[in-house]
Protein backbone atom coordinates (compact mmCIF):
# COMPACT_ATOMS: atom_id res chain seq x y z
CA MET A 1 -131.46 153.26 -26.30
CA CYS A 2 -129.02 152.50 -23.77
CA PRO A 3 -128.75 153.20 -20.05
CA HIS A 4 -125.31 152.89 -19.54
CA GLN A 5 -122.63 156.22 -18.95
CA PRO A 6 -120.65 156.10 -21.50
CA SER A 7 -123.65 154.80 -24.06
CA CYS A 8 -123.04 151.67 -26.00
CA PRO A 9 -122.37 152.02 -29.44
CA SER A 10 -125.12 151.87 -31.71
CA ALA A 11 -126.45 148.79 -34.04
CA GLU A 12 -125.14 150.47 -36.91
CA ALA A 13 -121.69 151.75 -35.55
CA LEU A 14 -118.59 149.50 -36.78
CA ASP A 15 -118.06 148.75 -33.55
CA ARG A 16 -121.42 147.39 -32.43
CA GLU A 17 -119.97 144.42 -30.87
CA ALA A 18 -118.22 146.44 -28.17
CA ALA A 19 -121.97 146.96 -26.70
CA ARG A 20 -122.34 145.33 -23.18
CA THR A 21 -124.33 141.86 -23.07
CA MET A 22 -127.95 142.08 -21.82
CA ALA A 23 -128.75 138.27 -22.10
CA ALA A 24 -125.99 135.45 -22.92
CA HIS A 25 -127.26 131.90 -23.58
CA PRO A 26 -123.86 130.27 -24.20
CA GLU A 27 -125.53 127.10 -24.38
CA GLN A 28 -127.36 128.01 -27.60
CA GLY A 29 -124.47 129.87 -28.98
CA TRP A 30 -125.67 133.91 -29.02
CA SER A 31 -126.14 137.03 -26.82
CA LEU A 32 -128.38 139.98 -26.80
CA LEU A 33 -126.54 142.95 -26.62
CA CYS A 34 -127.13 146.60 -25.29
CA ASN A 35 -127.94 147.72 -28.73
CA GLY A 36 -130.18 144.99 -29.53
CA VAL A 37 -127.71 143.51 -31.80
CA VAL A 38 -128.11 139.30 -31.43
CA LEU A 39 -124.42 138.19 -31.66
CA PHE A 40 -123.23 134.33 -32.37
CA ASP A 41 -120.52 132.42 -31.65
CA ASP A 42 -119.90 131.82 -34.78
CA THR A 43 -119.13 135.70 -35.18
CA GLY A 44 -122.62 136.45 -37.57
CA GLU A 45 -124.89 138.84 -35.99
CA LEU A 46 -128.83 139.77 -36.53
CA LEU A 47 -129.47 143.43 -36.60
CA PRO A 48 -132.55 144.83 -35.12
CA ASP A 49 -133.94 146.20 -38.63
CA GLY A 50 -133.33 142.11 -39.44
CA ALA A 51 -130.07 142.68 -41.40
CA VAL A 52 -127.83 139.67 -41.12
CA ILE A 53 -123.93 140.18 -40.47
CA GLU A 54 -122.24 137.26 -42.03
CA PRO A 55 -119.94 135.57 -39.83
CA HIS A 56 -116.48 137.13 -39.80
CA ARG A 57 -113.88 135.33 -38.17
CA PRO A 58 -110.29 136.24 -38.85
CA LEU A 59 -108.25 133.62 -40.79
CA ALA A 60 -106.05 131.23 -38.90
CA GLY A 61 -102.45 131.10 -40.56
CA VAL A 62 -102.99 133.11 -43.76
CA ALA A 63 -99.12 133.77 -44.77
């Protein structure tokens, strides 16, 4: 459970990446968010239930 007020978005929420960073490891390319999501520098995610969210970088220069 999130100790922040207001609470961070849950791992199931569409805006889950808005949760606060609890541990940052930029040298390894990942951060642990308050909601248990591991967020990778390439925008991929590992959810607490083991589900994987593929990287979702915006496409640059698409016309």
